[in-house]
Amino acid sequence: MCYADTSANDDGTATAYCYCGWPENCDTLEMAEQAAERHQNRQDDQD
């Protein structure tokens, strides 16, 4: 199972990322949180 997280960037964007190596750059922290949740759920569905 993956455990995705997010971080805010200095330029106002945000990044969703996971220890498995998956990253996704997003325009807002809210969008990054949604991407992280989707990533985690996708991994749960595959297990």
N, C-alpha and C. Protein backbone atom coordinates (compact mmCIF):
# COMPACT_ATOMS: atom_id res chain seq x y z
N MET A 1 0.84 -1.19 0.00
CA MET A 1 0.00 0.00 0.00
C MET A 1 0.88 1.24 0.00
N CYS A 2 0.47 2.21 -0.77
CA CYS A 2 1.19 3.47 -0.83
C CYS A 2 0.64 4.45 0.21
N TYR A 3 1.51 5.32 0.66
CA TYR A 3 1.14 6.38 1.58
C TYR A 3 1.57 7.70 0.97
N ALA A 4 0.66 8.34 0.25
CA ALA A 4 0.97 9.60 -0.42
C ALA A 4 0.82 10.76 0.55
N ASP A 5 1.54 11.83 0.26
CA ASP A 5 1.51 13.04 1.07
C ASP A 5 1.59 14.23 0.14
N THR A 6 1.55 15.41 0.69
CA THR A 6 1.62 16.63 -0.10
C THR A 6 2.59 17.61 0.53
N SER A 7 3.06 18.54 -0.30
CA SER A 7 3.86 19.64 0.22
C SER A 7 3.55 20.88 -0.60
N ALA A 8 3.54 22.02 0.07
CA ALA A 8 3.33 23.31 -0.59
C ALA A 8 4.67 23.80 -1.13
N ASN A 9 4.65 24.37 -2.31
CA ASN A 9 5.86 24.92 -2.93
C ASN A 9 5.89 26.44 -2.75
N ASP A 10 7.07 27.00 -2.80
CA ASP A 10 7.25 28.44 -2.62
C ASP A 10 6.50 29.28 -3.65
N ASP A 11 6.26 28.73 -4.83
CA ASP A 11 5.60 29.50 -5.89
C ASP A 11 4.07 29.42 -5.81
N GLY A 12 3.54 28.82 -4.75
CA GLY A 12 2.09 28.74 -4.58
C GLY A 12 1.48 27.45 -5.10
N THR A 13 2.25 26.65 -5.81
CA THR A 13 1.76 25.36 -6.27
C THR A 13 1.99 24.33 -5.16
N ALA A 14 1.66 23.09 -5.43
CA ALA A 14 1.85 22.03 -4.45
C ALA A 14 2.24 20.75 -5.18
N THR A 15 2.82 19.84 -4.46
CA THR A 15 3.22 18.56 -5.01
C THR A 15 2.64 17.44 -4.17
N ALA A 16 2.04 16.48 -4.85
CA ALA A 16 1.63 15.23 -4.20
C ALA A 16 2.74 14.23 -4.51
N TYR A 17 3.11 13.41 -3.53
CA TYR A 17 4.19 12.46 -3.75
C TYR A 17 3.99 11.24 -2.87
N CYS A 18 4.76 10.20 -3.19
CA CYS A 18 4.65 8.95 -2.46
C CYS A 18 6.02 8.30 -2.37
N TYR A 19 6.23 7.51 -1.35
CA TYR A 19 7.51 6.84 -1.18
C TYR A 19 7.81 5.88 -2.34
N CYS A 20 6.79 5.46 -3.09
CA CYS A 20 6.99 4.55 -4.22
C CYS A 20 7.65 5.26 -5.39
N GLY A 21 7.77 6.60 -5.30
CA GLY A 21 8.42 7.36 -6.36
C GLY A 21 7.45 8.17 -7.20
N TRP A 22 6.17 8.05 -6.95
CA TRP A 22 5.16 8.78 -7.71
C TRP A 22 5.10 10.23 -7.27
N PRO A 23 5.22 11.19 -8.20
CA PRO A 23 4.98 12.60 -7.90
C PRO A 23 3.91 13.17 -8.83
N GLU A 24 3.23 14.19 -8.39
CA GLU A 24 2.31 14.93 -9.25
C GLU A 24 2.31 16.38 -8.82
N ASN A 25 2.67 17.27 -9.72
CA ASN A 25 2.66 18.71 -9.46
C ASN A 25 1.26 19.23 -9.71
N CYS A 26 0.78 20.07 -8.80
CA CYS A 26 -0.58 20.58 -8.86
C CYS A 26 -0.58 22.10 -8.67
N ASP A 27 -1.66 22.73 -9.13
CA ASP A 27 -1.76 24.18 -9.01
C ASP A 27 -2.06 24.65 -7.59
N THR A 28 -2.74 23.81 -6.80
CA THR A 28 -3.09 24.19 -5.42
C THR A 28 -2.86 23.02 -4.48
N LEU A 29 -2.79 23.32 -3.20
CA LEU A 29 -2.64 22.27 -2.20
C LEU A 29 -3.87 21.37 -2.18
N GLU A 30 -5.04 21.94 -2.36
CA GLU A 30 -6.26 21.13 -2.40
C GLU A 30 -6.21 20.11 -3.54
N MET A 31 -5.75 20.55 -4.70
CA MET A 31 -5.64 19.63 -5.83
C MET A 31 -4.60 18.54 -5.54
N ALA A 32 -3.52 18.89 -4.87
CA ALA A 32 -2.50 17.91 -4.51
C ALA A 32 -3.05 16.90 -3.51
N GLU A 33 -3.84 17.35 -2.56
CA GLU A 33 -4.44 16.44 -1.60
C GLU A 33 -5.39 15.46 -2.29
N GLN A 34 -6.14 15.94 -3.27
CA GLN A 34 -7.04 15.06 -4.02
C GLN A 34 -6.24 14.04 -4.83
N ALA A 35 -5.14 14.48 -5.44
CA ALA A 35 -4.29 13.57 -6.21
C ALA A 35 -3.68 12.50 -5.31
N ALA A 36 -3.24 12.91 -4.12
CA ALA A 36 -2.66 11.96 -3.18
C ALA A 36 -3.70 10.93 -2.75
N GLU A 37 -4.90 11.38 -2.50
CA GLU A 37 -5.97 10.46 -2.12
C GLU A 37 -6.28 9.47 -3.25
N ARG A 38 -6.36 9.98 -4.48
CA ARG A 38 -6.60 9.10 -5.63
C ARG A 38 -5.49 8.06 -5.76
N HIS A 39 -4.25 8.49 -5.58
CA HIS A 39 -3.11 7.58 -5.69
C HIS A 39 -3.23 6.47 -4.64
N GLN A 40 -3.49 6.83 -3.41
CA GLN A 40 -3.62 5.84 -2.36
C GLN A 40 -4.77 4.88 -2.62
N ASN A 41 -5.90 5.40 -3.04
CA ASN A 41 -7.05 4.54 -3.31
C ASN A 41 -6.81 3.62 -4.48
N ARG A 42 -6.13 4.10 -5.50
CA ARG A 42 -5.81 3.26 -6.66
C ARG A 42 -4.93 2.09 -6.22
N GLN A 43 -3.99 2.35 -5.35
CA GLN A 43 -3.12 1.29 -4.86
C GLN A 43 -3.92 0.29 -4.03
N ASP A 44 -4.86 0.77 -3.22
CA ASP A 44 -5.68 -0.13 -2.41
C ASP A 44 -6.51 -1.06 -3.29
N ASP A 45 -7.02 -0.52 -4.39
CA ASP A 45 -7.84 -1.32 -5.30
C ASP A 45 -7.04 -2.40 -5.98
N GLN A 46 -5.74 -2.19 -6.16
CA GLN A 46 -4.90 -3.16 -6.85
C GLN A 46 -4.41 -4.28 -5.92
N ASP A 47 -4.43 -4.04 -4.62
CA ASP A 47 -3.94 -5.04 -3.66
C ASP A 47 -4.92 -6.18 -3.48
